PDB file of N, CA and C in Angstrom:
ATOM      1  N   MET A   1    -106.355 -96.206  81.055  1.00  0.00           N
ATOM      2  CA  MET A   1    -106.809 -97.116  79.976  1.00  0.00           C
ATOM      3  C   MET A   1    -108.146 -97.250  79.886  1.00  0.00           C
ATOM      4  N   VAL A   2    -108.621 -96.539  78.668  1.00  0.00           N
ATOM      5  CA  VAL A   2    -110.165 -96.359  78.761  1.00  0.00           C
ATOM      6  C   VAL A   2    -110.511 -96.892  77.141  1.00  0.00           C
ATOM      7  N   ILE A   3    -111.261 -98.013  77.658  1.00  0.00           N
ATOM      8  CA  ILE A   3    -112.385 -98.690  76.277  1.00  0.00           C
ATOM      9  C   ILE A   3    -113.488 -98.088  75.682  1.00  0.00           C
ATOM     10  N   VAL A   4    -113.289 -97.965  73.987  1.00  0.00           N
ATOM     11  CA  VAL A   4    -114.401 -97.413  73.759  1.00  0.00           C
ATOM     12  C   VAL A   4    -114.766 -98.217  72.919  1.00  0.00           C
ATOM     13  N   LYS A   5    -116.153 -97.635  72.323  1.00  0.00           N
ATOM     14  CA  LYS A   5    -116.741 -99.030  71.362  1.00  0.00           C
ATOM     15  C   LYS A   5    -115.610 -99.677  70.232  1.00  0.00           C
ATOM     16  N   SER A   6    -115.343 -98.526  69.345  1.00  0.00           N
ATOM     17  CA  SER A   6    -114.134 -98.319  68.371  1.00  0.00           C
ATOM     18  C   SER A   6    -113.158 -99.260  68.636  1.00  0.00           C
ATOM     19  N   LYS A   7    -113.033 -99.288  69.392  1.00  0.00           N
ATOM     20  CA  LYS A   7    -111.469-100.467  70.086  1.00  0.00           C
ATOM     21  C   LYS A   7    -112.542-102.101  70.217  1.00  0.00           C
ATOM     22  N   ILE A   8    -113.379-101.986  71.188  1.00  0.00           N
ATOM     23  CA  ILE A   8    -114.197-103.284  70.518  1.00  0.00           C
ATOM     24  C   ILE A   8    -114.297-104.306  70.170  1.00  0.00           C
ATOM     25  N   LEU A   9    -114.946-102.958  68.828  1.00  0.00           N
ATOM     26  CA  LEU A   9    -114.955-103.712  67.506  1.00  0.00           C
ATOM     27  C   LEU A   9    -113.737-103.488  67.157  1.00  0.00           C
ATOM     28  N   LYS A  10    -112.618-103.748  67.047  1.00  0.00           N
ATOM     29  CA  LYS A  10    -111.048-103.258  66.576  1.00  0.00           C
ATOM     30  C   LYS A  10    -110.602-105.067  67.499  1.00  0.00           C
ATOM     31  N   GLN A  11    -110.853-105.026  67.948  1.00  0.00           N
ATOM     32  CA  GLN A  11    -110.157-106.076  69.115  1.00  0.00           C
ATOM     33  C   GLN A  11    -111.499-107.637  68.875  1.00  0.00           C
ATOM     34  N   LEU A  12    -112.505-106.575  68.248  1.00  0.00           N
ATOM     35  CA  LEU A  12    -113.074-108.037  68.123  1.00  0.00           C
ATOM     36  C   LEU A  12    -113.064-108.703  66.319  1.00  0.00           C
ATOM     37  N   SER A  13    -112.768-107.902  65.517  1.00  0.00           N
ATOM     38  CA  SER A  13    -112.713-107.356  64.274  1.00  0.00           C
ATOM     39  C   SER A  13    -111.333-108.607  63.399  1.00  0.00           C
ATOM     40  N   ASP A  14    -110.578-108.296  64.363  1.00  0.00           N
ATOM     41  CA  ASP A  14    -108.808-108.853  64.617  1.00  0.00           C
ATOM     42  C   ASP A  14    -109.640-110.284  65.000  1.00  0.00           C
ATOM     43  N   ASN A  15    -109.549-110.678  65.933  1.00  0.00           N
ATOM     44  CA  ASN A  15    -109.890-111.761  66.453  1.00  0.00           C
ATOM     45  C   ASN A  15    -111.016-113.247  66.106  1.00  0.00           C
ATOM     46  N   TYR A  16    -112.050-112.231  65.692  1.00  0.00           N
ATOM     47  CA  TYR A  16    -112.777-112.743  64.476  1.00  0.00           C
ATOM     48  C   TYR A  16    -112.823-112.539  63.030  1.00  0.00           C
ATOM     49  N   PRO A  17    -112.184-112.985  62.480  1.00  0.00           N
ATOM     50  CA  PRO A  17    -111.711-112.084  60.554  1.00  0.00           C
ATOM     51  C   PRO A  17    -113.205-112.117  60.075  1.00  0.00           C
ATOM     52  N   ASN A  18    -113.391-113.128  60.063  1.00  0.00           N
ATOM     53  CA  ASN A  18    -114.297-114.002  58.895  1.00  0.00           C
ATOM     54  C   ASN A  18    -116.011-113.463  59.587  1.00  0.00           C
ATOM     55  N   PHE A  19    -116.009-112.704  60.103  1.00  0.00           N
ATOM     56  CA  PHE A  19    -117.193-111.879  60.509  1.00  0.00           C
ATOM     57  C   PHE A  19    -117.319-110.579  59.764  1.00  0.00           C
ATOM     58  N   LEU A  20    -117.712-109.620  59.102  1.00  0.00           N
ATOM     59  CA  LEU A  20    -117.906-108.647  58.467  1.00  0.00           C
ATOM     60  C   LEU A  20    -117.960-106.732  59.825  1.00  0.00           C
ATOM     61  N   LYS A  21    -117.674-106.360  59.308  1.00  0.00           N
ATOM     62  CA  LYS A  21    -116.917-104.986  60.366  1.00  0.00           C
ATOM     63  C   LYS A  21    -118.232-105.105  61.099  1.00  0.00           C
ATOM     64  N   LYS A  22    -119.449-104.783  59.961  1.00  0.00           N
ATOM     65  CA  LYS A  22    -121.013-103.862  60.093  1.00  0.00           C
ATOM     66  C   LYS A  22    -121.446-105.233  60.771  1.00  0.00           C
ATOM     67  N   ASP A  23    -121.528-106.483  60.824  1.00  0.00           N
ATOM     68  CA  ASP A  23    -122.229-108.245  61.576  1.00  0.00           C
ATOM     69  C   ASP A  23    -121.402-107.215  63.378  1.00  0.00           C
ATOM     70  N   LEU A  24    -120.377-107.356  63.171  1.00  0.00           N
ATOM     71  CA  LEU A  24    -119.566-107.162  64.403  1.00  0.00           C
ATOM     72  C   LEU A  24    -120.144-105.018  65.576  1.00  0.00           C
ATOM     73  N   GLU A  25    -120.308-104.567  64.197  1.00  0.00           N
ATOM     74  CA  GLU A  25    -120.946-103.707  64.726  1.00  0.00           C
ATOM     75  C   GLU A  25    -122.384-103.545  65.942  1.00  0.00           C
ATOM     76  N   LYS A  26    -122.787-104.022  64.613  1.00  0.00           N
ATOM     77  CA  LYS A  26    -124.440-104.487  64.897  1.00  0.00           C
ATOM     78  C   LYS A  26    -124.983-105.299  65.960  1.00  0.00           C
ATOM     79  N   PHE A  27    -123.842-106.312  66.312  1.00  0.00           N
ATOM     80  CA  PHE A  27    -123.939-107.052  67.493  1.00  0.00           C
ATOM     81  C   PHE A  27    -123.788-106.208  68.550  1.00  0.00           C
ATOM     82  N   ILE A  28    -122.655-104.733  68.639  1.00  0.00           N
ATOM     83  CA  ILE A  28    -122.055-104.042  70.243  1.00  0.00           C
ATOM     84  C   ILE A  28    -123.354-103.478  70.686  1.00  0.00           C
ATOM     85  N   ASP A  29    -123.898-103.083  69.012  1.00  0.00           N
ATOM     86  CA  ASP A  29    -124.977-102.222  69.234  1.00  0.00           C
ATOM     87  C   ASP A  29    -126.337-102.481  69.645  1.00  0.00           C
ATOM     88  N   ILE A  30    -126.365-103.786  69.613  1.00  0.00           N
ATOM     89  CA  ILE A  30    -127.692-104.744  69.919  1.00  0.00           C
ATOM     90  C   ILE A  30    -127.127-104.953  72.091  1.00  0.00           C
ATOM     91  N   PHE A  31    -126.157-105.484  71.378  1.00  0.00           N
ATOM     92  CA  PHE A  31    -126.167-105.738  73.566  1.00  0.00           C
ATOM     93  C   PHE A  31    -125.845-104.699  74.028  1.00  0.00           C
ATOM     94  N   LEU A  32    -125.260-103.912  74.121  1.00  0.00           N
ATOM     95  CA  LEU A  32    -126.376-102.729  74.176  1.00  0.00           C
ATOM     96  C   LEU A  32    -127.357-101.566  74.652  1.00  0.00           C
ATOM     97  N   LYS A  33    -127.985-101.784  73.644  1.00  0.00           N
ATOM     98  CA  LYS A  33    -129.358-101.524  73.489  1.00  0.00           C
ATOM     99  C   LYS A  33    -129.726-102.703  74.851  1.00  0.00           C
ATOM    100  N   GLU A  34    -129.650-103.813  74.553  1.00  0.00           N
ATOM    101  CA  GLU A  34    -130.954-104.789  76.106  1.00  0.00           C
ATOM    102  C   GLU A  34    -130.104-104.294  76.970  1.00  0.00           C
ATOM    103  N   ILE A  35    -129.065-103.975  77.547  1.00  0.00           N
ATOM    104  CA  ILE A  35    -128.863-103.445  78.646  1.00  0.00           C
ATOM    105  C   ILE A  35    -129.353-102.278  79.123  1.00  0.00           C
ATOM    106  N   LYS A  36    -129.482-100.857  78.305  1.00  0.00           N
ATOM    107  CA  LYS A  36    -129.712-100.008  78.499  1.00  0.00           C
ATOM    108  C   LYS A  36    -131.408-100.206  78.805  1.00  0.00           C
ATOM    109  N   ILE A  37    -131.875-101.146  77.945  1.00  0.00           N
ATOM    110  CA  ILE A  37    -133.664-101.154  77.535  1.00  0.00           C
ATOM    111  C   ILE A  37    -133.805-102.017  79.477  1.00  0.00           C
ATOM    112  N   ALA A  38    -133.011-103.207  79.556  1.00  0.00           N
ATOM    113  CA  ALA A  38    -132.588-104.060  81.084  1.00  0.00           C
ATOM    114  C   ALA A  38    -133.434-102.291  82.634  1.00  0.00           C
ATOM    115  N   LEU A  39    -132.025-101.315  81.776  1.00  0.00           N
ATOM    116  CA  LEU A  39    -131.368-100.704  83.390  1.00  0.00           C
ATOM    117  C   LEU A  39    -132.726-100.318  83.172  1.00  0.00           C
ATOM    118  N   GLN A  40    -133.465 -99.271  82.253  1.00  0.00           N
ATOM    119  CA  GLN A  40    -134.557 -99.220  82.737  1.00  0.00           C
ATOM    120  C   GLN A  40    -136.291 -99.730  83.034  1.00  0.00           C
ATOM    121  N   LYS A  41    -135.864-100.347  82.392  1.00  0.00           N
ATOM    122  CA  LYS A  41    -137.247-101.022  83.619  1.00  0.00           C
ATOM    123  C   LYS A  41    -137.177-101.744  84.754  1.00  0.00           C
ATOM    124  N   ASN A  42    -135.911-101.184  85.574  1.00  0.00           N
ATOM    125  CA  ASN A  42    -135.416-101.383  86.595  1.00  0.00           C
ATOM    126  C   ASN A  42    -134.701-103.169  86.877  1.00  0.00           C
ATOM    127  N   GLU A  43    -134.500-103.493  85.732  1.00  0.00           N
ATOM    128  CA  GLU A  43    -134.122-105.191  85.785  1.00  0.00           C
ATOM    129  C   GLU A  43    -132.956-104.404  85.921  1.00  0.00           C
ATOM    130  N   ALA A  44    -132.375-105.595  86.625  1.00  0.00           N
ATOM    131  CA  ALA A  44    -130.236-106.087  86.404  1.00  0.00           C
ATOM    132  C   ALA A  44    -130.190-106.628  85.047  1.00  0.00           C
ATOM    133  N   CYS A  45    -129.164-106.926  85.162  1.00  0.00           N
ATOM    134  CA  CYS A  45    -128.888-107.406  83.758  1.00  0.00           C
ATOM    135  C   CYS A  45    -127.642-108.134  84.547  1.00  0.00           C
ATOM    136  N   GLU A  46    -127.345-109.602  84.491  1.00  0.00           N
ATOM    137  CA  GLU A  46    -125.869-110.133  84.496  1.00  0.00           C
ATOM    138  C   GLU A  46    -124.860-110.887  83.307  1.00  0.00           C
ATOM    139  N   LEU A  47    -123.992-110.332  83.692  1.00  0.00           N
ATOM    140  CA  LEU A  47    -122.757-110.849  83.007  1.00  0.00           C
ATOM    141  C   LEU A  47    -122.405-111.507  83.401  1.00  0.00           C
ATOM    142  N   ARG A  48    -122.378-113.477  83.119  1.00  0.00           N
ATOM    143  CA  ARG A  48    -121.781-114.019  83.890  1.00  0.00           C
ATOM    144  C   ARG A  48    -120.180-113.822  84.053  1.00  0.00           C
ATOM    145  N   ASP A  49    -119.029-114.510  85.191  1.00  0.00           N
ATOM    146  CA  ASP A  49    -118.255-113.653  84.694  1.00  0.00           C
ATOM    147  C   ASP A  49    -118.019-112.654  84.993  1.00  0.00           C
ATOM    148  N   PHE A  50    -118.350-111.364  84.962  1.00  0.00           N
ATOM    149  CA  PHE A  50    -118.438-110.010  85.172  1.00  0.00           C
ATOM    150  C   PHE A  50    -118.580-109.587  85.859  1.00  0.00           C
ATOM    151  N   GLY A  51    -120.110-109.919  86.061  1.00  0.00           N
ATOM    152  CA  GLY A  51    -120.852-109.105  86.904  1.00  0.00           C
ATOM    153  C   GLY A  51    -121.702-108.342  86.212  1.00  0.00           C
ATOM    154  N   ARG A  52    -123.000-107.138  87.164  1.00  0.00           N
ATOM    155  CA  ARG A  52    -124.244-107.312  87.357  1.00  0.00           C
ATOM    156  C   ARG A  52    -124.690-105.601  87.431  1.00  0.00           C
ATOM    157  N   PHE A  53    -124.959-105.598  86.213  1.00  0.00           N
ATOM    158  CA  PHE A  53    -126.197-103.949  86.806  1.00  0.00           C
ATOM    159  C   PHE A  53    -126.828-104.076  86.852  1.00  0.00           C
ATOM    160  N   SER A  54    -127.307-102.794  87.971  1.00  0.00           N
ATOM    161  CA  SER A  54    -128.512-102.545  88.026  1.00  0.00           C
ATOM    162  C   SER A  54    -129.245-100.906  88.564  1.00  0.00           C
ATOM    163  N   THR A  55    -130.323-100.580  88.748  1.00  0.00           N
ATOM    164  CA  THR A  55    -130.612 -99.263  88.943  1.00  0.00           C
ATOM    165  C   THR A  55    -131.000 -99.346  90.269  1.00  0.00           C
ATOM    166  N   ARG A  56    -130.740 -98.144  90.999  1.00  0.00           N
ATOM    167  CA  ARG A  56    -130.998 -97.873  92.205  1.00  0.00           C
ATOM    168  C   ARG A  56    -131.418 -96.645  92.206  1.00  0.00           C
ATOM    169  N   ILE A  57    -132.270 -95.986  93.702  1.00  0.00           N
ATOM    170  CA  ILE A  57    -133.233 -94.678  93.838  1.00  0.00           C
ATOM    171  C   ILE A  57    -132.161 -93.979  94.638  1.00  0.00           C
ATOM    172  N   GLN A  58    -131.174 -92.495  93.968  1.00  0.00           N
ATOM    173  CA  GLN A  58    -130.407 -92.457  95.080  1.00  0.00           C
ATOM    174  C   GLN A  58    -132.101 -90.783  95.381  1.00  0.00           C
ATOM    175  N   LYS A  59    -131.020 -91.525  97.040  1.00  0.00           N
ATOM    176  CA  LYS A  59    -133.366 -89.770  97.746  1.00  0.00           C
ATOM    177  C   LYS A  59    -132.302 -88.109  97.448  1.00  0.00           C
ATOM    178  N   LYS A  60    -133.123 -87.431  97.177  1.00  0.00           N
ATOM    179  CA  LYS A  60    -133.301 -85.967  97.238  1.00  0.00           C
ATOM    180  C   LYS A  60    -132.951 -85.552  98.168  1.00  0.00           C
ATOM    181  N   ARG A  61    -131.594 -84.924  97.498  1.00  0.00           N
ATOM    182  CA  ARG A  61    -131.107 -84.017  98.884  1.00  0.00           C
ATOM    183  C   ARG A  61    -130.428 -82.541  99.032  1.00  0.00           C
ATOM    184  N   ILE A  62    -130.076 -82.156  99.876  1.00  0.00           N
ATOM    185  CA  ILE A  62    -129.271 -81.009  99.768  1.00  0.00           C
ATOM    186  C   ILE A  62    -128.155 -80.487  99.031  1.00  0.00           C
ATOM    187  N   SER A  63    -127.139 -80.402  98.672  1.00  0.00           N
ATOM    188  CA  SER A  63    -126.568 -80.137  97.178  1.00  0.00           C
ATOM    189  C   SER A  63    -125.576 -78.664  97.977  1.00  0.00           C
ATOM    190  N   ARG A  64    -124.339 -77.557  97.532  1.00  0.00           N
ATOM    191  CA  ARG A  64    -124.113 -77.022  97.149  1.00  0.00           C
ATOM    192  C   ARG A  64    -122.879 -77.105  95.681  1.00  0.00           C
ATOM    193  N   ASN A  65    -123.775 -75.539  95.350  1.00  0.00           N
ATOM    194  CA  ASN A  65    -122.992 -74.967  94.269  1.00  0.00           C
ATOM    195  C   ASN A  65    -120.830 -74.853  95.091  1.00  0.00           C
ATOM    196  N   PRO A  66    -119.686 -75.957  94.378  1.00  0.00           N
ATOM    197  CA  PRO A  66    -118.863 -75.105  94.773  1.00  0.00           C
ATOM    198  C   PRO A  66    -118.500 -73.832  94.259  1.00  0.00           C
ATOM    199  N   LYS A  67    -118.644 -73.706  93.720  1.00  0.00           N
ATOM    200  CA  LYS A  67    -118.460 -71.606  93.153  1.00  0.00           C
ATOM    201  C   LYS A  67    -118.539 -70.723  93.968  1.00  0.00           C
ATOM    202  N   THR A  68    -120.180 -71.001  94.513  1.00  0.00           N
ATOM    203  CA  THR A  68    -121.431 -70.690  95.368  1.00  0.00           C
ATOM    204  C   THR A  68    -120.827 -69.767  96.463  1.00  0.00           C
ATOM    205  N   GLY A  69    -121.120 -71.393  96.836  1.00  0.00           N
ATOM    206  CA  GLY A  69    -121.212 -72.029  97.922  1.00  0.00           C
ATOM    207  C   GLY A  69    -123.379 -72.019  98.815  1.00  0.00           C
ATOM    208  N   GLU A  70    -123.363 -71.723  97.373  1.00  0.00           N
ATOM    209  CA  GLU A  70    -125.053 -71.544  97.063  1.00  0.00           C
ATOM    210  C   GLU A  70    -125.438 -72.886  97.134  1.00  0.00           C
ATOM    211  N   LYS A  71    -126.939 -73.329  98.317  1.00  0.00           N
ATOM    212  CA  LYS A  71    -127.104 -74.919  98.613  1.00  0.00           C
ATOM    213  C   LYS A  71    -128.195 -75.093  97.649  1.00  0.00           C
ATOM    214  N   ILE A  72    -128.109 -76.105  96.419  1.00  0.00           N
ATOM    215  CA  ILE A  72    -129.032 -76.495  95.619  1.00  0.00           C
ATOM    216  C   ILE A  72    -130.134 -77.575  95.960  1.00  0.00           C
ATOM    217  N   GLU A  73    -130.917 -77.552  96.362  1.00  0.00           N
ATOM    218  CA  GLU A  73    -131.723 -79.256  96.160  1.00  0.00           C
ATOM    219  C   GLU A  73    -131.689 -79.729  94.732  1.00  0.00           C
ATOM    220  N   THR A  74    -130.830 -81.586  95.138  1.00  0.00           N
ATOM    221  CA  THR A  74    -131.084 -81.812  93.866  1.00  0.00           C
ATOM    222  C   THR A  74    -131.891 -82.944  94.132  1.00  0.00           C
ATOM    223  N   PRO A  75    -133.018 -83.378  93.532  1.00  0.00           N
ATOM    224  CA  PRO A  75    -134.063 -84.179  93.028  1.00  0.00           C
ATOM    225  C   PRO A  75    -133.441 -85.456  92.770  1.00  0.00           C
ATOM    226  N   GLU A  76    -134.699 -86.440  93.338  1.00  0.00           N
ATOM    227  CA  GLU A  76    -133.897 -87.762  93.036  1.00  0.00           C
ATOM    228  C   GLU A  76    -133.505 -88.445  91.935  1.00  0.00           C
ATOM    229  N   LYS A  77    -133.172 -89.641  91.832  1.00  0.00           N
ATOM    230  CA  LYS A  77    -132.545 -89.930  91.302  1.00  0.00           C
ATOM    231  C   LYS A  77    -132.466 -91.450  90.297  1.00  0.00           C
ATOM    232  N   LYS A  78    -132.256 -91.788  89.290  1.00  0.00           N
ATOM    233  CA  LYS A  78    -131.754 -93.306  89.563  1.00  0.00           C
ATOM    234  C   LYS A  78    -130.190 -93.799  88.903  1.00  0.00           C
ATOM    235  N   ILE A  79    -129.968 -94.273  89.869  1.00  0.00           N
ATOM    236  CA  ILE A  79    -128.008 -94.363  89.269  1.00  0.00           C
ATOM    237  C   ILE A  79    -127.704 -96.032  88.836  1.00  0.00           C
ATOM    238  N   ILE A  80    -126.609 -96.218  88.078  1.00  0.00           N
ATOM    239  CA  ILE A  80    -126.397 -96.914  87.828  1.00  0.00           C
ATOM    240  C   ILE A  80    -125.451 -97.492  88.723  1.00  0.00           C
ATOM    241  N   HIS A  81    -126.027 -98.870  89.201  1.00  0.00           N
ATOM    242  CA  HIS A  81    -125.166-100.485  90.348  1.00  0.00           C
ATOM    243  C   HIS A  81    -124.298-100.978  90.118  1.00  0.00           C
ATOM    244  N   PHE A  82    -122.513-100.873  89.846  1.00  0.00           N
ATOM    245  CA  PHE A  82    -122.539-102.462  89.126  1.00  0.00           C
ATOM    246  C   PHE A  82    -121.699-103.235  90.284  1.00  0.00           C
ATOM    247  N   LYS A  83    -122.078-104.895  90.494  1.00  0.00           N
ATOM    248  CA  LYS A  83    -121.501-104.983  90.752  1.00  0.00           C
ATOM    249  C   LYS A  83    -120.417-105.830  90.631  1.00  0.00           C
ATOM    250  N   MET A  84    -118.775-105.886  90.725  1.00  0.00           N
ATOM    251  CA  MET A  84    -118.088-106.757  90.074  1.00  0.00           C
ATOM    252  C   MET A  84    -118.338-108.581  90.258  1.00  0.00           C
ATOM    253  N   SER A  85    -118.086-109.508  89.180  1.00  0.00           N
ATOM    254  CA  SER A  85    -118.042-111.752  90.020  1.00  0.00           C
ATOM    255  C   SER A  85    -116.809-111.407  90.693  1.00  0.00           C
ATOM    256  N   LYS A  86    -117.252-112.663  91.318  1.00  0.00           N
ATOM    257  CA  LYS A  86    -115.404-113.225  92.085  1.00  0.00           C
ATOM    258  C   LYS A  86    -114.720-113.303  91.673  1.00  0.00           C
ATOM    259  N   LYS A  87    -115.653-113.916  90.902  1.00  0.00           N
ATOM    260  CA  LYS A  87    -114.386-113.980  89.008  1.00  0.00           C
ATOM    261  C   LYS A  87    -113.349-112.898  88.908  1.00  0.00           C
ATOM    262  N   LEU A  88    -113.930-111.886  87.791  1.00  0.00           N
ATOM    263  CA  LEU A  88    -114.134-111.157  88.229  1.00  0.00           C
ATOM    264  C   LEU A  88    -112.702-110.334  88.860  1.00  0.00           C
ATOM    265  N   PHE A  89    -113.025-110.110  90.044  1.00  0.00           N
ATOM    266  CA  PHE A  89    -112.401-109.449  91.232  1.00  0.00           C
ATOM    267  C   PHE A  89    -111.133-110.565  91.466  1.00  0.00           C
ATOM    268  N   ASN A  90    -111.007-111.566  91.491  1.00  0.00           N
ATOM    269  CA  ASN A  90    -109.349-112.293  91.890  1.00  0.00           C
ATOM    270  C   ASN A  90    -108.867-112.233  90.499  1.00  0.00           C
ATOM    271  N   LYS A  91    -109.400-112.156  89.034  1.00  0.00           N
ATOM    272  CA  LYS A  91    -108.516-111.495  88.594  1.00  0.00           C
ATOM    273  C   LYS A  91    -107.991-110.304  88.351  1.00  0.00           C
ATOM    274  N   ILE A  92    -108.509-109.334  88.455  1.00  0.00           N
ATOM    275  CA  ILE A  92    -107.983-108.445  88.857  1.00  0.00           C
ATOM    276  C   ILE A  92    -106.981-107.937  90.011  1.00  0.00           C
ATOM    277  N   ASN A  93    -107.473-108.770  91.165  1.00  0.00           N
ATOM    278  CA  ASN A  93    -106.030-109.126  91.873  1.00  0.00           C
ATOM    279  C   ASN A  93    -105.169-109.980  92.428  1.00  0.00           C
ATOM    280  N   ASN A  94    -105.502-110.534  90.509  1.00  0.00           N
ATOM    281  CA  ASN A  94    -104.463-111.503  90.748  1.00  0.00           C
ATOM    282  C   ASN A  94    -103.712-112.695  91.717  1.00  0.00           C
ATOM    283  N   ASN A  95    -105.224-113.231  92.526  1.00  0.00           N
ATOM    284  CA  ASN A  95    -105.531-114.538  93.513  1.00  0.00           C
ATOM    285  C   ASN A  95    -106.199-115.766  92.781  1.00  0.00           C
ATOM    286  N   GLU A  96    -105.727-115.535  91.246  1.00  0.00           N
ATOM    287  CA  GLU A  96    -106.683-117.172  91.144  1.00  0.00           C
ATOM    288  C   GLU A  96    -105.755-118.907  91.704  1.00  0.00           C
TER     289      GLU A  96
END
């Protein structure tokens, strides 16, 4: 199952009918934008009882084009790392 922004918006609007849909959409946009800004600044973003987003540096390396077998130098880049909380881990694995 894939969670997309529209599904989150629908679920929020169903759970909170007193809020306007456009206000909930604005909330989601602000929420995601703040996570993006924190990651761009190399800061970690922690959501209690859910997990922690952070950035890591992936070193440059020699990779291979699977179609031609040609070696390609992949440059150094930032990647996003997610570490789930123990509470989420236990919930997923039914260890509550």
